[in-house]
Amino acid sequence: MNKMTQTADMDKFIEKFEPSKFKRLARGIEVRGIKDLNKSIVYANEVIQKLKLKLSVAHSAEMAMYGSFEVVYQNAV
């Protein structure tokens, strides 16, 4: 996947998901300040599938402590 396709997919995700806080990372974005983490992760996966984006959700127990998860480019997982 080329850099333009990655950026376009991420921009589509951000537009649809509308995160209130996020940080751009080399491999995607970190969505922050989530109150209902499980619901948000499920919704993020639904957005990715519905729009057929080449992205995936990555999260860990440490991220959960901070109410965050990452949306990353598939080849960066």
PDB file of N, CA and C in Angstrom:
ATOM      1  N   MET A   1       0.860  -1.167   0.000  1.00  0.00           N
ATOM      2  CA  MET A   1       0.000   0.000   0.000  1.00  0.00           C
ATOM      3  C   MET A   1       0.904   1.228   0.000  1.00  0.00           C
ATOM      4  N   ASN A   2       0.601   2.168  -0.885  1.00  0.00           N
ATOM      5  CA  ASN A   2       1.432   3.357  -0.932  1.00  0.00           C
ATOM      6  C   ASN A   2       0.994   4.387   0.110  1.00  0.00           C
ATOM      7  N   LYS A   3       1.848   5.361   0.332  1.00  0.00           N
ATOM      8  CA  LYS A   3       1.629   6.366   1.384  1.00  0.00           C
ATOM      9  C   LYS A   3       0.343   7.159   1.153  1.00  0.00           C
ATOM     10  N   MET A   4       0.011   7.472  -0.107  1.00  0.00           N
ATOM     11  CA  MET A   4      -1.216   8.242  -0.395  1.00  0.00           C
ATOM     12  C   MET A   4      -2.461   7.444  -0.042  1.00  0.00           C
ATOM     13  N   THR A   5      -2.464   6.154  -0.343  1.00  0.00           N
ATOM     14  CA  THR A   5      -3.597   5.296  -0.021  1.00  0.00           C
ATOM     15  C   THR A   5      -3.749   5.180   1.491  1.00  0.00           C
ATOM     16  N   GLN A   6      -2.629   5.036   2.194  1.00  0.00           N
ATOM     17  CA  GLN A   6      -2.669   4.964   3.655  1.00  0.00           C
ATOM     18  C   GLN A   6      -3.282   6.231   4.231  1.00  0.00           C
ATOM     19  N   THR A   7      -2.805   7.377   3.780  1.00  0.00           N
ATOM     20  CA  THR A   7      -3.299   8.654   4.281  1.00  0.00           C
ATOM     21  C   THR A   7      -4.773   8.825   3.952  1.00  0.00           C
ATOM     22  N   ALA A   8      -5.178   8.450   2.744  1.00  0.00           N
ATOM     23  CA  ALA A   8      -6.579   8.574   2.350  1.00  0.00           C
ATOM     24  C   ALA A   8      -7.462   7.688   3.221  1.00  0.00           C
ATOM     25  N   ASP A   9      -7.042   6.458   3.474  1.00  0.00           N
ATOM     26  CA  ASP A   9      -7.814   5.553   4.329  1.00  0.00           C
ATOM     27  C   ASP A   9      -7.930   6.117   5.739  1.00  0.00           C
ATOM     28  N   MET A  10      -6.833   6.627   6.279  1.00  0.00           N
ATOM     29  CA  MET A  10      -6.863   7.170   7.637  1.00  0.00           C
ATOM     30  C   MET A  10      -7.753   8.416   7.704  1.00  0.00           C
ATOM     31  N   ASP A  11      -7.661   9.267   6.698  1.00  0.00           N
ATOM     32  CA  ASP A  11      -8.506  10.464   6.675  1.00  0.00           C
ATOM     33  C   ASP A  11      -9.990  10.096   6.612  1.00  0.00           C
ATOM     34  N   LYS A  12     -10.336   9.072   5.835  1.00  0.00           N
ATOM     35  CA  LYS A  12     -11.725   8.611   5.771  1.00  0.00           C
ATOM     36  C   LYS A  12     -12.181   8.093   7.128  1.00  0.00           C
ATOM     37  N   PHE A  13     -11.301   7.345   7.804  1.00  0.00           N
ATOM     38  CA  PHE A  13     -11.632   6.827   9.125  1.00  0.00           C
ATOM     39  C   PHE A  13     -11.875   7.978  10.107  1.00  0.00           C
ATOM     40  N   ILE A  14     -10.976   8.932  10.143  1.00  0.00           N
ATOM     41  CA  ILE A  14     -11.094  10.065  11.066  1.00  0.00           C
ATOM     42  C   ILE A  14     -12.373  10.843  10.804  1.00  0.00           C
ATOM     43  N   GLU A  15     -12.689  11.058   9.532  1.00  0.00           N
ATOM     44  CA  GLU A  15     -13.910  11.794   9.173  1.00  0.00           C
ATOM     45  C   GLU A  15     -15.165  11.075   9.663  1.00  0.00           C
ATOM     46  N   LYS A  16     -15.203   9.757   9.533  1.00  0.00           N
ATOM     47  CA  LYS A  16     -16.382   8.984   9.918  1.00  0.00           C
ATOM     48  C   LYS A  16     -16.442   8.727  11.427  1.00  0.00           C
ATOM     49  N   PHE A  17     -15.307   8.400  12.040  1.00  0.00           N
ATOM     50  CA  PHE A  17     -15.276   8.059  13.457  1.00  0.00           C
ATOM     51  C   PHE A  17     -15.372   9.310  14.335  1.00  0.00           C
ATOM     52  N   GLU A  18     -14.849  10.411  13.847  1.00  0.00           N
ATOM     53  CA  GLU A  18     -14.867  11.704  14.539  1.00  0.00           C
ATOM     54  C   GLU A  18     -14.296  11.634  15.958  1.00  0.00           C
ATOM     55  N   PRO A  19     -13.047  11.203  16.113  1.00  0.00           N
ATOM     56  CA  PRO A  19     -12.472  11.166  17.457  1.00  0.00           C
ATOM     57  C   PRO A  19     -12.286  12.581  18.005  1.00  0.00           C
ATOM     58  N   SER A  20     -12.584  12.759  19.282  1.00  0.00           N
ATOM     59  CA  SER A  20     -12.416  14.089  19.863  1.00  0.00           C
ATOM     60  C   SER A  20     -10.934  14.389  20.103  1.00  0.00           C
ATOM     61  N   LYS A  21     -10.159  13.359  20.415  1.00  0.00           N
ATOM     62  CA  LYS A  21      -8.720  13.526  20.614  1.00  0.00           C
ATOM     63  C   LYS A  21      -7.999  12.377  19.941  1.00  0.00           C
ATOM     64  N   PHE A  22      -7.004  12.720  19.136  1.00  0.00           N
ATOM     65  CA  PHE A  22      -6.167  11.676  18.552  1.00  0.00           C
ATOM     66  C   PHE A  22      -4.802  12.248  18.242  1.00  0.00           C
ATOM     67  N   LYS A  23      -3.839  11.351  18.172  1.00  0.00           N
ATOM     68  CA  LYS A  23      -2.463  11.730  17.871  1.00  0.00           C
ATOM     69  C   LYS A  23      -2.003  10.919  16.675  1.00  0.00           C
ATOM     70  N   ARG A  24      -1.447  11.595  15.697  1.00  0.00           N
ATOM     71  CA  ARG A  24      -0.912  10.879  14.531  1.00  0.00           C
ATOM     72  C   ARG A  24       0.399  10.205  14.897  1.00  0.00           C
ATOM     73  N   LEU A  25       0.523   8.966  14.457  1.00  0.00           N
ATOM     74  CA  LEU A  25       1.728   8.174  14.660  1.00  0.00           C
ATOM     75  C   LEU A  25       2.262   7.745  13.300  1.00  0.00           C
ATOM     76  N   ALA A  26       3.483   7.294  13.249  1.00  0.00           N
ATOM     77  CA  ALA A  26       4.058   6.826  11.983  1.00  0.00           C
ATOM     78  C   ALA A  26       3.250   5.663  11.419  1.00  0.00           C
ATOM     79  N   ARG A  27       2.681   4.828  12.293  1.00  0.00           N
ATOM     80  CA  ARG A  27       1.955   3.640  11.825  1.00  0.00           C
ATOM     81  C   ARG A  27       0.447   3.810  11.834  1.00  0.00           C
ATOM     82  N   GLY A  28      -0.068   5.007  12.156  1.00  0.00           N
ATOM     83  CA  GLY A  28      -1.516   5.253  12.188  1.00  0.00           C
ATOM     84  C   GLY A  28      -1.857   6.390  13.117  1.00  0.00           C
ATOM     85  N   ILE A  29      -2.887   6.180  13.964  1.00  0.00           N
ATOM     86  CA  ILE A  29      -3.262   7.180  14.954  1.00  0.00           C
ATOM     87  C   ILE A  29      -3.542   6.505  16.294  1.00  0.00           C
ATOM     88  N   GLU A  30      -3.406   7.272  17.348  1.00  0.00           N
ATOM     89  CA  GLU A  30      -3.820   6.824  18.673  1.00  0.00           C
ATOM     90  C   GLU A  30      -5.049   7.648  19.037  1.00  0.00           C
ATOM     91  N   VAL A  31      -6.154   6.980  19.282  1.00  0.00           N
ATOM     92  CA  VAL A  31      -7.395   7.638  19.689  1.00  0.00           C
ATOM     93  C   VAL A  31      -7.376   7.690  21.206  1.00  0.00           C
ATOM     94  N   ARG A  32      -7.570   8.880  21.760  1.00  0.00           N
ATOM     95  CA  ARG A  32      -7.414   9.082  23.206  1.00  0.00           C
ATOM     96  C   ARG A  32      -8.696   9.567  23.855  1.00  0.00           C
ATOM     97  N   GLY A  33      -8.723   9.461  25.181  1.00  0.00           N
ATOM     98  CA  GLY A  33      -9.809  10.023  25.972  1.00  0.00           C
ATOM     99  C   GLY A  33     -11.146   9.334  25.792  1.00  0.00           C
ATOM    100  N   ILE A  34     -11.125   8.032  25.579  1.00  0.00           N
ATOM    101  CA  ILE A  34     -12.344   7.268  25.343  1.00  0.00           C
ATOM    102  C   ILE A  34     -12.943   6.847  26.682  1.00  0.00           C
ATOM    103  N   LYS A  35     -14.218   7.139  26.876  1.00  0.00           N
ATOM    104  CA  LYS A  35     -14.893   6.735  28.115  1.00  0.00           C
ATOM    105  C   LYS A  35     -15.360   5.282  28.053  1.00  0.00           C
ATOM    106  N   ASP A  36     -16.026   4.891  26.981  1.00  0.00           N
ATOM    107  CA  ASP A  36     -16.489   3.509  26.809  1.00  0.00           C
ATOM    108  C   ASP A  36     -15.607   2.850  25.754  1.00  0.00           C
ATOM    109  N   LEU A  37     -14.499   2.308  26.220  1.00  0.00           N
ATOM    110  CA  LEU A  37     -13.482   1.769  25.326  1.00  0.00           C
ATOM    111  C   LEU A  37     -13.998   0.615  24.472  1.00  0.00           C
ATOM    112  N   ASN A  38     -14.699  -0.344  25.081  1.00  0.00           N
ATOM    113  CA  ASN A  38     -15.203  -1.498  24.320  1.00  0.00           C
ATOM    114  C   ASN A  38     -16.132  -1.062  23.201  1.00  0.00           C
ATOM    115  N   LYS A  39     -17.065  -0.186  23.497  1.00  0.00           N
ATOM    116  CA  LYS A  39     -18.015   0.296  22.491  1.00  0.00           C
ATOM    117  C   LYS A  39     -17.285   1.033  21.369  1.00  0.00           C
ATOM    118  N   SER A  40     -16.292   1.838  21.730  1.00  0.00           N
ATOM    119  CA  SER A  40     -15.543   2.591  20.726  1.00  0.00           C
ATOM    120  C   SER A  40     -14.719   1.691  19.821  1.00  0.00           C
ATOM    121  N   ILE A  41     -14.118   0.646  20.388  1.00  0.00           N
ATOM    122  CA  ILE A  41     -13.335  -0.288  19.581  1.00  0.00           C
ATOM    123  C   ILE A  41     -14.241  -1.038  18.608  1.00  0.00           C
ATOM    124  N   VAL A  42     -15.400  -1.461  19.071  1.00  0.00           N
ATOM    125  CA  VAL A  42     -16.358  -2.147  18.196  1.00  0.00           C
ATOM    126  C   VAL A  42     -16.781  -1.209  17.064  1.00  0.00           C
ATOM    127  N   TYR A  43     -17.084   0.036  17.402  1.00  0.00           N
ATOM    128  CA  TYR A  43     -17.501   1.006  16.382  1.00  0.00           C
ATOM    129  C   TYR A  43     -16.366   1.275  15.395  1.00  0.00           C
ATOM    130  N   ALA A  44     -15.136   1.401  15.893  1.00  0.00           N
ATOM    131  CA  ALA A  44     -13.994   1.629  15.005  1.00  0.00           C
ATOM    132  C   ALA A  44     -13.851   0.473  14.009  1.00  0.00           C
ATOM    133  N   ASN A  45     -13.989  -0.747  14.488  1.00  0.00           N
ATOM    134  CA  ASN A  45     -13.920  -1.913  13.589  1.00  0.00           C
ATOM    135  C   ASN A  45     -15.059  -1.902  12.570  1.00  0.00           C
ATOM    136  N   GLU A  46     -16.249  -1.491  12.988  1.00  0.00           N
ATOM    137  CA  GLU A  46     -17.382  -1.406  12.067  1.00  0.00           C
ATOM    138  C   GLU A  46     -17.117  -0.375  10.974  1.00  0.00           C
ATOM    139  N   VAL A  47     -16.576   0.772  11.341  1.00  0.00           N
ATOM    140  CA  VAL A  47     -16.251   1.817  10.364  1.00  0.00           C
ATOM    141  C   VAL A  47     -15.229   1.292   9.361  1.00  0.00           C
ATOM    142  N   ILE A  48     -14.191   0.634   9.863  1.00  0.00           N
ATOM    143  CA  ILE A  48     -13.148   0.084   8.989  1.00  0.00           C
ATOM    144  C   ILE A  48     -13.736  -0.928   8.011  1.00  0.00           C
ATOM    145  N   GLN A  49     -14.594  -1.829   8.501  1.00  0.00           N
ATOM    146  CA  GLN A  49     -15.190  -2.840   7.625  1.00  0.00           C
ATOM    147  C   GLN A  49     -16.161  -2.215   6.628  1.00  0.00           C
ATOM    148  N   LYS A  50     -17.008  -1.317   7.104  1.00  0.00           N
ATOM    149  CA  LYS A  50     -18.019  -0.707   6.233  1.00  0.00           C
ATOM    150  C   LYS A  50     -17.368   0.069   5.089  1.00  0.00           C
ATOM    151  N   LEU A  51     -16.313   0.817   5.390  1.00  0.00           N
ATOM    152  CA  LEU A  51     -15.645   1.624   4.369  1.00  0.00           C
ATOM    153  C   LEU A  51     -14.561   0.847   3.617  1.00  0.00           C
ATOM    154  N   LYS A  52     -14.345  -0.428   4.010  1.00  0.00           N
ATOM    155  CA  LYS A  52     -13.351  -1.298   3.376  1.00  0.00           C
ATOM    156  C   LYS A  52     -11.965  -0.653   3.376  1.00  0.00           C
ATOM    157  N   LEU A  53     -11.579  -0.160   4.548  1.00  0.00           N
ATOM    158  CA  LEU A  53     -10.287   0.496   4.698  1.00  0.00           C
ATOM    159  C   LEU A  53      -9.218  -0.527   5.041  1.00  0.00           C
ATOM    160  N   LYS A  54      -8.007  -0.254   4.641  1.00  0.00           N
ATOM    161  CA  LYS A  54      -6.882  -1.143   4.950  1.00  0.00           C
ATOM    162  C   LYS A  54      -6.256  -0.693   6.270  1.00  0.00           C
ATOM    163  N   LEU A  55      -7.068  -0.767   7.322  1.00  0.00           N
ATOM    164  CA  LEU A  55      -6.678  -0.372   8.668  1.00  0.00           C
ATOM    165  C   LEU A  55      -7.096  -1.469   9.634  1.00  0.00           C
ATOM    166  N   SER A  56      -6.525  -1.448  10.816  1.00  0.00           N
ATOM    167  CA  SER A  56      -6.959  -2.361  11.866  1.00  0.00           C
ATOM    168  C   SER A  56      -6.808  -1.665  13.213  1.00  0.00           C
ATOM    169  N   VAL A  57      -7.498  -2.203  14.212  1.00  0.00           N
ATOM    170  CA  VAL A  57      -7.454  -1.660  15.567  1.00  0.00           C
ATOM    171  C   VAL A  57      -6.438  -2.456  16.373  1.00  0.00           C
ATOM    172  N   ALA A  58      -5.585  -1.747  17.092  1.00  0.00           N
ATOM    173  CA  ALA A  58      -4.608  -2.371  17.991  1.00  0.00           C
ATOM    174  C   ALA A  58      -4.804  -1.767  19.372  1.00  0.00           C
ATOM    175  N   HIS A  59      -4.803  -2.623  20.386  1.00  0.00           N
ATOM    176  CA  HIS A  59      -4.951  -2.116  21.747  1.00  0.00           C
ATOM    177  C   HIS A  59      -4.310  -3.094  22.715  1.00  0.00           C
ATOM    178  N   SER A  60      -4.022  -2.588  23.888  1.00  0.00           N
ATOM    179  CA  SER A  60      -3.395  -3.408  24.921  1.00  0.00           C
ATOM    180  C   SER A  60      -3.957  -2.992  26.270  1.00  0.00           C
ATOM    181  N   ALA A  61      -3.630  -3.744  27.290  1.00  0.00           N
ATOM    182  CA  ALA A  61      -4.083  -3.412  28.639  1.00  0.00           C
ATOM    183  C   ALA A  61      -3.532  -2.060  29.069  1.00  0.00           C
ATOM    184  N   GLU A  62      -2.309  -1.773  28.695  1.00  0.00           N
ATOM    185  CA  GLU A  62      -1.711  -0.479  29.056  1.00  0.00           C
ATOM    186  C   GLU A  62      -2.477   0.676  28.413  1.00  0.00           C
ATOM    187  N   MET A  63      -2.823   0.530  27.133  1.00  0.00           N
ATOM    188  CA  MET A  63      -3.605   1.571  26.460  1.00  0.00           C
ATOM    189  C   MET A  63      -4.962   1.726  27.121  1.00  0.00           C
ATOM    190  N   ALA A  64      -5.572   0.620  27.513  1.00  0.00           N
ATOM    191  CA  ALA A  64      -6.896   0.659  28.144  1.00  0.00           C
ATOM    192  C   ALA A  64      -6.868   1.471  29.427  1.00  0.00           C
ATOM    193  N   MET A  65      -5.759   1.415  30.158  1.00  0.00           N
ATOM    194  CA  MET A  65      -5.638   2.202  31.387  1.00  0.00           C
ATOM    195  C   MET A  65      -5.760   3.696  31.111  1.00  0.00           C
ATOM    196  N   TYR A  66      -5.375   4.107  29.928  1.00  0.00           N
ATOM    197  CA  TYR A  66      -5.421   5.512  29.546  1.00  0.00           C
ATOM    198  C   TYR A  66      -6.628   5.841  28.666  1.00  0.00           C
ATOM    199  N   GLY A  67      -7.497   4.885  28.456  1.00  0.00           N
ATOM    200  CA  GLY A  67      -8.679   5.111  27.615  1.00  0.00           C
ATOM    201  C   GLY A  67      -8.312   5.395  26.171  1.00  0.00           C
ATOM    202  N   SER A  68      -7.400   4.580  25.638  1.00  0.00           N
ATOM    203  CA  SER A  68      -6.966   4.809  24.264  1.00  0.00           C
ATOM    204  C   SER A  68      -6.805   3.487  23.506  1.00  0.00           C
ATOM    205  N   PHE A  69      -6.757   3.608  22.207  1.00  0.00           N
ATOM    206  CA  PHE A  69      -6.431   2.493  21.327  1.00  0.00           C
ATOM    207  C   PHE A  69      -5.841   3.077  20.059  1.00  0.00           C
ATOM    208  N   GLU A  70      -5.235   2.234  19.253  1.00  0.00           N
ATOM    209  CA  GLU A  70      -4.623   2.687  17.999  1.00  0.00           C
ATOM    210  C   GLU A  70      -5.385   2.139  16.797  1.00  0.00           C
ATOM    211  N   VAL A  71      -5.422   2.927  15.760  1.00  0.00           N
ATOM    212  CA  VAL A  71      -5.890   2.489  14.452  1.00  0.00           C
ATOM    213  C   VAL A  71      -4.668   2.588  13.566  1.00  0.00           C
ATOM    214  N   VAL A  72      -4.248   1.448  13.047  1.00  0.00           N
ATOM    215  CA  VAL A  72      -2.982   1.382  12.324  1.00  0.00           C
ATOM    216  C   VAL A  72      -3.187   0.836  10.908  1.00  0.00           C
ATOM    217  N   TYR A  73      -2.214   1.177  10.047  1.00  0.00           N
ATOM    218  CA  TYR A  73      -2.229   0.639   8.695  1.00  0.00           C
ATOM    219  C   TYR A  73      -1.986  -0.857   8.771  1.00  0.00           C
ATOM    220  N   GLN A  74      -2.684  -1.640   7.972  1.00  0.00           N
ATOM    221  CA  GLN A  74      -2.603  -3.102   8.067  1.00  0.00           C
ATOM    222  C   GLN A  74      -1.183  -3.625   7.942  1.00  0.00           C
ATOM    223  N   ASN A  75      -0.373  -3.044   7.095  1.00  0.00           N
ATOM    224  CA  ASN A  75       0.985  -3.546   6.931  1.00  0.00           C
ATOM    225  C   ASN A  75       1.907  -3.100   8.059  1.00  0.00           C
ATOM    226  N   ALA A  76       1.393  -2.294   9.013  1.00  0.00           N
ATOM    227  CA  ALA A  76       2.219  -1.816  10.131  1.00  0.00           C
ATOM    228  C   ALA A  76       1.972  -2.610  11.401  1.00  0.00           C
ATOM    229  N   VAL A  77       1.049  -3.582  11.370  1.00  0.00           N
ATOM    230  CA  VAL A  77       0.690  -4.346  12.576  1.00  0.00           C
ATOM    231  C   VAL A  77       1.780  -5.321  12.919  1.00  0.00           C
TER     232      VAL A  77
END
